[in-house]
PDB file of N, CA and C in Angstrom:
ATOM      1  N   MET A   1      73.682  61.156 171.925  1.00  0.00           N
ATOM      2  CA  MET A   1      73.660  62.447 171.281  1.00  0.00           C
ATOM      3  C   MET A   1      74.470  62.407 169.988  1.00  0.00           C
ATOM      4  N   THR A   2      75.052  61.288 169.637  1.00  0.00           N
ATOM      5  CA  THR A   2      75.876  61.229 168.438  1.00  0.00           C
ATOM      6  C   THR A   2      75.057  61.462 167.172  1.00  0.00           C
ATOM      7  N   ASP A   3      73.743  61.327 167.228  1.00  0.00           N
ATOM      8  CA  ASP A   3      72.894  61.588 166.069  1.00  0.00           C
ATOM      9  C   ASP A   3      72.601  63.071 165.877  1.00  0.00           C
ATOM     10  N   ALA A   4      72.917  63.884 166.867  1.00  0.00           N
ATOM     11  CA  ALA A   4      72.635  65.313 166.781  1.00  0.00           C
ATOM     12  C   ALA A   4      73.580  65.969 165.777  1.00  0.00           C
ATOM     13  N   PRO A   5      73.080  66.976 165.060  1.00  0.00           N
ATOM     14  CA  PRO A   5      73.926  67.654 164.063  1.00  0.00           C
ATOM     15  C   PRO A   5      75.018  68.500 164.704  1.00  0.00           C
ATOM     16  N   ASN A   6      76.104  68.682 163.977  1.00  0.00           N
ATOM     17  CA  ASN A   6      77.165  69.589 164.403  1.00  0.00           C
ATOM     18  C   ASN A   6      76.744  71.008 164.056  1.00  0.00           C
ATOM     19  N   VAL A   7      76.827  71.896 165.035  1.00  0.00           N
ATOM     20  CA  VAL A   7      76.461  73.294 164.837  1.00  0.00           C
ATOM     21  C   VAL A   7      77.548  74.184 165.436  1.00  0.00           C
ATOM     22  N   VAL A   8      77.526  75.445 165.061  1.00  0.00           N
ATOM     23  CA  VAL A   8      78.433  76.447 165.612  1.00  0.00           C
ATOM     24  C   VAL A   8      77.586  77.453 166.379  1.00  0.00           C
ATOM     25  N   VAL A   9      77.973  77.725 167.606  1.00  0.00           N
ATOM     26  CA  VAL A   9      77.259  78.682 168.448  1.00  0.00           C
ATOM     27  C   VAL A   9      78.153  79.894 168.665  1.00  0.00           C
ATOM     28  N   ARG A  10      77.607  81.070 168.424  1.00  0.00           N
ATOM     29  CA  ARG A  10      78.320  82.335 168.634  1.00  0.00           C
ATOM     30  C   ARG A  10      77.709  83.037 169.849  1.00  0.00           C
ATOM     31  N   LEU A  11      78.535  83.297 170.840  1.00  0.00           N
ATOM     32  CA  LEU A  11      78.072  83.909 172.085  1.00  0.00           C
ATOM     33  C   LEU A  11      78.553  85.355 172.184  1.00  0.00           C
ATOM     34  N   PRO A  12      77.765  86.216 172.838  1.00  0.00           N
ATOM     35  CA  PRO A  12      78.172  87.620 172.991  1.00  0.00           C
ATOM     36  C   PRO A  12      79.289  87.756 174.030  1.00  0.00           C
ATOM     37  N   ALA A  13      80.146  88.746 173.835  1.00  0.00           N
ATOM     38  CA  ALA A  13      81.265  88.977 174.749  1.00  0.00           C
ATOM     39  C   ALA A  13      80.785  89.208 176.180  1.00  0.00           C
ATOM     40  N   ILE A  14      79.665  89.890 176.334  1.00  0.00           N
ATOM     41  CA  ILE A  14      79.161  90.169 177.691  1.00  0.00           C
ATOM     42  C   ILE A  14      78.876  88.877 178.443  1.00  0.00           C
ATOM     43  N   LEU A  15      78.460  87.835 177.730  1.00  0.00           N
ATOM     44  CA  LEU A  15      78.180  86.548 178.365  1.00  0.00           C
ATOM     45  C   LEU A  15      79.477  85.798 178.659  1.00  0.00           C
ATOM     46  N   THR A  16      80.378  85.770 177.700  1.00  0.00           N
ATOM     47  CA  THR A  16      81.627  85.035 177.925  1.00  0.00           C
ATOM     48  C   THR A  16      82.473  85.694 179.015  1.00  0.00           C
ATOM     49  N   ASP A  17      82.310  86.986 179.216  1.00  0.00           N
ATOM     50  CA  ASP A  17      83.023  87.659 180.308  1.00  0.00           C
ATOM     51  C   ASP A  17      82.577  87.137 181.676  1.00  0.00           C
ATOM     52  N   LEU A  18      81.336  86.667 181.771  1.00  0.00           N
ATOM     53  CA  LEU A  18      80.802  86.160 183.035  1.00  0.00           C
ATOM     54  C   LEU A  18      81.241  84.728 183.344  1.00  0.00           C
ATOM     55  N   PHE A  19      81.727  84.018 182.336  1.00  0.00           N
ATOM     56  CA  PHE A  19      82.090  82.613 182.490  1.00  0.00           C
ATOM     57  C   PHE A  19      83.544  82.405 182.065  1.00  0.00           C
ATOM     58  N   PRO A  20      84.465  82.487 183.023  1.00  0.00           N
ATOM     59  CA  PRO A  20      85.885  82.321 182.700  1.00  0.00           C
ATOM     60  C   PRO A  20      86.137  81.013 181.942  1.00  0.00           C
ATOM     61  N   GLY A  21      86.919  81.125 180.896  1.00  0.00           N
ATOM     62  CA  GLY A  21      87.240  79.951 180.089  1.00  0.00           C
ATOM     63  C   GLY A  21      86.267  79.707 178.952  1.00  0.00           C
ATOM     64  N   SER A  22      85.146  80.418 178.946  1.00  0.00           N
ATOM     65  CA  SER A  22      84.192  80.241 177.850  1.00  0.00           C
ATOM     66  C   SER A  22      84.720  80.936 176.598  1.00  0.00           C
ATOM     67  N   GLN A  23      84.139  80.565 175.473  1.00  0.00           N
ATOM     68  CA  GLN A  23      84.603  81.082 174.195  1.00  0.00           C
ATOM     69  C   GLN A  23      83.457  81.734 173.443  1.00  0.00           C
ATOM     70  N   ARG A  24      83.781  82.661 172.566  1.00  0.00           N
ATOM     71  CA  ARG A  24      82.756  83.336 171.752  1.00  0.00           C
ATOM     72  C   ARG A  24      82.224  82.422 170.665  1.00  0.00           C
ATOM     73  N   ARG A  25      83.043  81.464 170.192  1.00  0.00           N
ATOM     74  CA  ARG A  25      82.637  80.524 169.148  1.00  0.00           C
ATOM     75  C   ARG A  25      82.800  79.113 169.689  1.00  0.00           C
ATOM     76  N   VAL A  26      81.695  78.357 169.670  1.00  0.00           N
ATOM     77  CA  VAL A  26      81.697  77.007 170.219  1.00  0.00           C
ATOM     78  C   VAL A  26      81.100  76.052 169.192  1.00  0.00           C
ATOM     79  N   GLU A  27      81.800  74.972 168.914  1.00  0.00           N
ATOM     80  CA  GLU A  27      81.262  73.917 168.056  1.00  0.00           C
ATOM     81  C   GLU A  27      80.732  72.810 168.956  1.00  0.00           C
ATOM     82  N   MET A  28      79.551  72.297 168.624  1.00  0.00           N
ATOM     83  CA  MET A  28      78.945  71.248 169.439  1.00  0.00           C
ATOM     84  C   MET A  28      77.934  70.463 168.628  1.00  0.00           C
ATOM     85  N   GLN A  29      77.445  69.397 169.229  1.00  0.00           N
ATOM     86  CA  GLN A  29      76.351  68.637 168.653  1.00  0.00           C
ATOM     87  C   GLN A  29      75.101  68.966 169.459  1.00  0.00           C
ATOM     88  N   ALA A  30      74.045  69.369 168.768  1.00  0.00           N
ATOM     89  CA  ALA A  30      72.773  69.680 169.427  1.00  0.00           C
ATOM     90  C   ALA A  30      71.658  69.596 168.396  1.00  0.00           C
ATOM     91  N   GLY A  31      70.551  68.967 168.765  1.00  0.00           N
ATOM     92  CA  GLY A  31      69.427  68.796 167.860  1.00  0.00           C
ATOM     93  C   GLY A  31      68.394  69.901 167.931  1.00  0.00           C
ATOM     94  N   SER A  32      68.476  70.726 168.981  1.00  0.00           N
ATOM     95  CA  SER A  32      67.530  71.829 169.153  1.00  0.00           C
ATOM     96  C   SER A  32      68.210  72.927 169.958  1.00  0.00           C
ATOM     97  N   VAL A  33      67.586  74.091 169.993  1.00  0.00           N
ATOM     98  CA  VAL A  33      68.119  75.188 170.795  1.00  0.00           C
ATOM     99  C   VAL A  33      68.117  74.790 172.273  1.00  0.00           C
ATOM    100  N   ASP A  34      67.084  74.087 172.716  1.00  0.00           N
ATOM    101  CA  ASP A  34      67.009  73.640 174.110  1.00  0.00           C
ATOM    102  C   ASP A  34      68.189  72.722 174.447  1.00  0.00           C
ATOM    103  N   GLU A  35      68.485  71.788 173.564  1.00  0.00           N
ATOM    104  CA  GLU A  35      69.617  70.886 173.776  1.00  0.00           C
ATOM    105  C   GLU A  35      70.935  71.668 173.750  1.00  0.00           C
ATOM    106  N   MET A  36      71.013  72.664 172.894  1.00  0.00           N
ATOM    107  CA  MET A  36      72.193  73.523 172.844  1.00  0.00           C
ATOM    108  C   MET A  36      72.403  74.220 174.184  1.00  0.00           C
ATOM    109  N   MET A  37      71.317  74.705 174.789  1.00  0.00           N
ATOM    110  CA  MET A  37      71.409  75.359 176.095  1.00  0.00           C
ATOM    111  C   MET A  37      71.935  74.394 177.151  1.00  0.00           C
ATOM    112  N   ASP A  38      71.454  73.152 177.112  1.00  0.00           N
ATOM    113  CA  ASP A  38      71.942  72.141 178.057  1.00  0.00           C
ATOM    114  C   ASP A  38      73.429  71.884 177.874  1.00  0.00           C
ATOM    115  N   ARG A  39      73.874  71.822 176.615  1.00  0.00           N
ATOM    116  CA  ARG A  39      75.295  71.577 176.325  1.00  0.00           C
ATOM    117  C   ARG A  39      76.153  72.754 176.790  1.00  0.00           C
ATOM    118  N   LEU A  40      75.673  73.980 176.563  1.00  0.00           N
ATOM    119  CA  LEU A  40      76.404  75.153 177.048  1.00  0.00           C
ATOM    120  C   LEU A  40      76.516  75.125 178.564  1.00  0.00           C
ATOM    121  N   ASP A  41      75.432  74.726 179.232  1.00  0.00           N
ATOM    122  CA  ASP A  41      75.428  74.668 180.685  1.00  0.00           C
ATOM    123  C   ASP A  41      76.357  73.567 181.200  1.00  0.00           C
ATOM    124  N   ALA A  42      76.484  72.473 180.443  1.00  0.00           N
ATOM    125  CA  ALA A  42      77.412  71.408 180.830  1.00  0.00           C
ATOM    126  C   ALA A  42      78.863  71.899 180.725  1.00  0.00           C
ATOM    127  N   LEU A  43      79.131  72.734 179.728  1.00  0.00           N
ATOM    128  CA  LEU A  43      80.471  73.282 179.559  1.00  0.00           C
ATOM    129  C   LEU A  43      80.771  74.360 180.599  1.00  0.00           C
ATOM    130  N   TRP A  44      79.785  75.232 180.844  1.00  0.00           N
ATOM    131  CA  TRP A  44      79.947  76.356 181.760  1.00  0.00           C
ATOM    132  C   TRP A  44      78.705  76.439 182.656  1.00  0.00           C
ATOM    133  N   PRO A  45      78.740  75.729 183.801  1.00  0.00           N
ATOM    134  CA  PRO A  45      77.579  75.689 184.698  1.00  0.00           C
ATOM    135  C   PRO A  45      77.054  77.076 185.045  1.00  0.00           C
ATOM    136  N   GLY A  46      75.728  77.212 184.933  1.00  0.00           N
ATOM    137  CA  GLY A  46      75.053  78.471 185.215  1.00  0.00           C
ATOM    138  C   GLY A  46      74.710  79.269 183.964  1.00  0.00           C
ATOM    139  N   MET A  47      75.278  78.877 182.820  1.00  0.00           N
ATOM    140  CA  MET A  47      75.018  79.641 181.599  1.00  0.00           C
ATOM    141  C   MET A  47      73.552  79.531 181.181  1.00  0.00           C
ATOM    142  N   ARG A  48      72.965  78.348 181.327  1.00  0.00           N
ATOM    143  CA  ARG A  48      71.554  78.199 180.949  1.00  0.00           C
ATOM    144  C   ARG A  48      70.676  79.153 181.750  1.00  0.00           C
ATOM    145  N   ASP A  49      70.962  79.309 183.043  1.00  0.00           N
ATOM    146  CA  ASP A  49      70.173  80.223 183.879  1.00  0.00           C
ATOM    147  C   ASP A  49      70.285  81.666 183.422  1.00  0.00           C
ATOM    148  N   ARG A  50      71.403  82.031 182.824  1.00  0.00           N
ATOM    149  CA  ARG A  50      71.574  83.389 182.296  1.00  0.00           C
ATOM    150  C   ARG A  50      70.784  83.601 181.005  1.00  0.00           C
ATOM    151  N   LEU A  51      70.533  82.505 180.281  1.00  0.00           N
ATOM    152  CA  LEU A  51      69.889  82.598 178.970  1.00  0.00           C
ATOM    153  C   LEU A  51      68.405  82.230 178.987  1.00  0.00           C
ATOM    154  N   CYS A  52      68.012  81.393 179.931  1.00  0.00           N
ATOM    155  CA  CYS A  52      66.628  80.887 179.970  1.00  0.00           C
ATOM    156  C   CYS A  52      66.001  81.160 181.332  1.00  0.00           C
ATOM    157  N   ASP A  53      64.669  81.257 181.331  1.00  0.00           N
ATOM    158  CA  ASP A  53      63.956  81.425 182.590  1.00  0.00           C
ATOM    159  C   ASP A  53      63.338  80.084 183.006  1.00  0.00           C
ATOM    160  N   THR A  54      62.471  80.102 183.986  1.00  0.00           N
ATOM    161  CA  THR A  54      61.922  78.855 184.535  1.00  0.00           C
ATOM    162  C   THR A  54      60.690  78.336 183.805  1.00  0.00           C
ATOM    163  N   ARG A  55      60.177  79.047 182.795  1.00  0.00           N
ATOM    164  CA  ARG A  55      58.944  78.604 182.099  1.00  0.00           C
ATOM    165  C   ARG A  55      59.063  77.257 181.419  1.00  0.00           C
ATOM    166  N   PRO A  56      59.965  76.759 180.746  1.00  0.00           N
ATOM    167  CA  PRO A  56      61.224  77.343 180.302  1.00  0.00           C
ATOM    168  C   PRO A  56      61.064  78.052 178.961  1.00  0.00           C
ATOM    169  N   ALA A  57      61.758  79.150 178.848  1.00  0.00           N
ATOM    170  CA  ALA A  57      61.799  79.936 177.611  1.00  0.00           C
ATOM    171  C   ALA A  57      63.054  80.795 177.659  1.00  0.00           C
ATOM    172  N   LEU A  58      63.409  81.354 176.520  1.00  0.00           N
ATOM    173  CA  LEU A  58      64.528  82.292 176.500  1.00  0.00           C
ATOM    174  C   LEU A  58      64.146  83.516 177.320  1.00  0.00           C
ATOM    175  N   ARG A  59      65.084  84.062 178.040  1.00  0.00           N
ATOM    176  CA  ARG A  59      64.818  85.291 178.800  1.00  0.00           C
ATOM    177  C   ARG A  59      64.466  86.419 177.828  1.00  0.00           C
ATOM    178  N   LYS A  60      63.723  87.399 178.316  1.00  0.00           N
ATOM    179  CA  LYS A  60      63.227  88.485 177.459  1.00  0.00           C
ATOM    180  C   LYS A  60      64.347  89.256 176.776  1.00  0.00           C
ATOM    181  N   HIS A  61      65.485  89.378 177.423  1.00  0.00           N
ATOM    182  CA  HIS A  61      66.587  90.169 176.858  1.00  0.00           C
ATOM    183  C   HIS A  61      67.551  89.336 176.011  1.00  0.00           C
ATOM    184  N   ILE A  62      67.224  88.063 175.775  1.00  0.00           N
ATOM    185  CA  ILE A  62      68.072  87.173 174.981  1.00  0.00           C
ATOM    186  C   ILE A  62      67.376  86.851 173.665  1.00  0.00           C
ATOM    187  N   ASN A  63      68.115  86.957 172.576  1.00  0.00           N
ATOM    188  CA  ASN A  63      67.610  86.582 171.256  1.00  0.00           C
ATOM    189  C   ASN A  63      68.539  85.539 170.662  1.00  0.00           C
ATOM    190  N   VAL A  64      67.940  84.540 170.012  1.00  0.00           N
ATOM    191  CA  VAL A  64      68.703  83.506 169.329  1.00  0.00           C
ATOM    192  C   VAL A  64      68.276  83.529 167.865  1.00  0.00           C
ATOM    193  N   PHE A  65      69.263  83.557 166.972  1.00  0.00           N
ATOM    194  CA  PHE A  65      68.986  83.587 165.540  1.00  0.00           C
ATOM    195  C   PHE A  65      69.721  82.451 164.840  1.00  0.00           C
ATOM    196  N   ILE A  66      69.027  81.837 163.901  1.00  0.00           N
ATOM    197  CA  ILE A  66      69.599  80.803 163.044  1.00  0.00           C
ATOM    198  C   ILE A  66      69.272  81.210 161.613  1.00  0.00           C
ATOM    199  N   ASP A  67      70.287  81.390 160.804  1.00  0.00           N
ATOM    200  CA  ASP A  67      70.093  81.827 159.421  1.00  0.00           C
ATOM    201  C   ASP A  67      69.220  83.079 159.330  1.00  0.00           C
ATOM    202  N   GLY A  68      69.424  84.010 160.246  1.00  0.00           N
ATOM    203  CA  GLY A  68      68.690  85.269 160.231  1.00  0.00           C
ATOM    204  C   GLY A  68      67.268  85.184 160.762  1.00  0.00           C
ATOM    205  N   GLU A  69      66.848  84.002 161.175  1.00  0.00           N
ATOM    206  CA  GLU A  69      65.490  83.811 161.706  1.00  0.00           C
ATOM    207  C   GLU A  69      65.546  83.665 163.224  1.00  0.00           C
ATOM    208  N   ARG A  70      64.628  84.324 163.895  1.00  0.00           N
ATOM    209  CA  ARG A  70      64.559  84.218 165.351  1.00  0.00           C
ATOM    210  C   ARG A  70      64.134  82.809 165.744  1.00  0.00           C
ATOM    211  N   ALA A  71      64.791  82.281 166.773  1.00  0.00           N
ATOM    212  CA  ALA A  71      64.532  80.912 167.222  1.00  0.00           C
ATOM    213  C   ALA A  71      64.001  80.901 168.650  1.00  0.00           C
ATOM    214  N   ARG A  72      63.367  79.767 168.991  1.00  0.00           N
ATOM    215  CA  ARG A  72      62.895  79.524 170.355  1.00  0.00           C
ATOM    216  C   ARG A  72      63.577  78.261 170.858  1.00  0.00           C
ATOM    217  N   LEU A  73      63.309  77.879 172.082  1.00  0.00           N
ATOM    218  CA  LEU A  73      63.934  76.676 172.631  1.00  0.00           C
ATOM    219  C   LEU A  73      63.576  75.425 171.831  1.00  0.00           C
ATOM    220  N   ASP A  74      62.363  75.371 171.287  1.00  0.00           N
ATOM    221  CA  ASP A  74      61.944  74.164 170.561  1.00  0.00           C
ATOM    222  C   ASP A  74      62.385  74.161 169.092  1.00  0.00           C
ATOM    223  N   THR A  75      63.123  75.186 168.657  1.00  0.00           N
ATOM    224  CA  THR A  75      63.597  75.235 167.278  1.00  0.00           C
ATOM    225  C   THR A  75      64.633  74.144 167.043  1.00  0.00           C
ATOM    226  N   LYS A  76      64.427  73.373 165.986  1.00  0.00           N
ATOM    227  CA  LYS A  76      65.348  72.291 165.620  1.00  0.00           C
ATOM    228  C   LYS A  76      66.572  72.863 164.924  1.00  0.00           C
ATOM    229  N   LEU A  77      67.696  72.200 165.113  1.00  0.00           N
ATOM    230  CA  LEU A  77      68.943  72.593 164.476  1.00  0.00           C
ATOM    231  C   LEU A  77      69.304  71.583 163.396  1.00  0.00           C
ATOM    232  N   ALA A  78      69.921  72.079 162.326  1.00  0.00           N
ATOM    233  CA  ALA A  78      70.339  71.241 161.203  1.00  0.00           C
ATOM    234  C   ALA A  78      71.865  71.257 161.117  1.00  0.00           C
ATOM    235  N   PRO A  79      72.446  70.235 160.485  1.00  0.00           N
ATOM    236  CA  PRO A  79      73.900  70.203 160.349  1.00  0.00           C
ATOM    237  C   PRO A  79      74.443  71.493 159.721  1.00  0.00           C
ATOM    238  N   GLY A  80      75.480  72.028 160.341  1.00  0.00           N
ATOM    239  CA  GLY A  80      76.121  73.227 159.819  1.00  0.00           C
ATOM    240  C   GLY A  80      75.466  74.534 160.221  1.00  0.00           C
ATOM    241  N   ASP A  81      74.349  74.482 160.961  1.00  0.00           N
ATOM    242  CA  ASP A  81      73.705  75.727 161.387  1.00  0.00           C
ATOM    243  C   ASP A  81      74.678  76.567 162.206  1.00  0.00           C
ATOM    244  N   GLU A  82      74.577  77.874 162.024  1.00  0.00           N
ATOM    245  CA  GLU A  82      75.328  78.816 162.844  1.00  0.00           C
ATOM    246  C   GLU A  82      74.299  79.544 163.695  1.00  0.00           C
ATOM    247  N   VAL A  83      74.418  79.386 165.005  1.00  0.00           N
ATOM    248  CA  VAL A  83      73.458  79.916 165.957  1.00  0.00           C
ATOM    249  C   VAL A  83      74.073  81.130 166.640  1.00  0.00           C
ATOM    250  N   PHE A  84      73.381  82.257 166.563  1.00  0.00           N
ATOM    251  CA  PHE A  84      73.858  83.481 167.202  1.00  0.00           C
ATOM    252  C   PHE A  84      73.007  83.758 168.430  1.00  0.00           C
ATOM    253  N   VAL A  85      73.655  83.879 169.586  1.00  0.00           N
ATOM    254  CA  VAL A  85      72.993  84.261 170.829  1.00  0.00           C
ATOM    255  C   VAL A  85      73.339  85.721 171.049  1.00  0.00           C
ATOM    256  N   LEU A  86      72.311  86.564 171.112  1.00  0.00           N
ATOM    257  CA  LEU A  86      72.507  88.002 171.244  1.00  0.00           C
ATOM    258  C   LEU A  86      71.750  88.531 172.444  1.00  0.00           C
ATOM    259  N   THR A  87      72.292  89.558 173.051  1.00  0.00           N
ATOM    260  CA  THR A  87      71.580  90.225 174.135  1.00  0.00           C
ATOM    261  C   THR A  87      70.897  91.449 173.548  1.00  0.00           C
ATOM    262  N   ALA A  88      69.677  91.694 174.001  1.00  0.00           N
ATOM    263  CA  ALA A  88      68.920  92.855 173.537  1.00  0.00           C
ATOM    264  C   ALA A  88      69.555  94.122 174.108  1.00  0.00           C
ATOM    265  N   ILE A  89      69.506  95.166 173.322  1.00  0.00           N
ATOM    266  CA  ILE A  89      70.053  96.454 173.743  1.00  0.00           C
ATOM    267  C   ILE A  89      68.886  97.406 173.955  1.00  0.00           C
ATOM    268  N   SER A  90      68.893  98.057 175.103  1.00  0.00           N
ATOM    269  CA  SER A  90      67.838  99.042 175.347  1.00  0.00           C
ATOM    270  C   SER A  90      68.483 100.338 175.795  1.00  0.00           C
ATOM    271  N   GLY A  91      67.739 101.343 175.741  1.00  0.00           N
ATOM    272  CA  GLY A  91      68.267 102.643 176.162  1.00  0.00           C
ATOM    273  C   GLY A  91      67.259 103.727 175.874  1.00  0.00           C
ATOM    274  N   GLY A  92      67.643 104.895 176.082  1.00  0.00           N
ATOM    275  CA  GLY A  92      66.698 105.958 175.817  1.00  0.00           C
ATOM    276  C   GLY A  92      67.240 107.298 176.184  1.00  0.00           C
TER     277      GLY A  92
END
């Protein structure tokens, strides 16, 4: 994985509250959003299940953005990318 780019991942507080010891800002090496999910799960087991379903795809209430663009699991990451993981807000 040493060839993977260094990226910064920003996680929502609601998610980090569920995983003691997790951080809102995480630096890691990952070549794609899917690989990023695996790395997050290696750091905090069970996190991938909170973010992804069994298809595999991002869960409906989870959004991932890179440079303001919505991403999917197969989205490639570039060096220095800042990845924002957001939870959808609903109400009425």
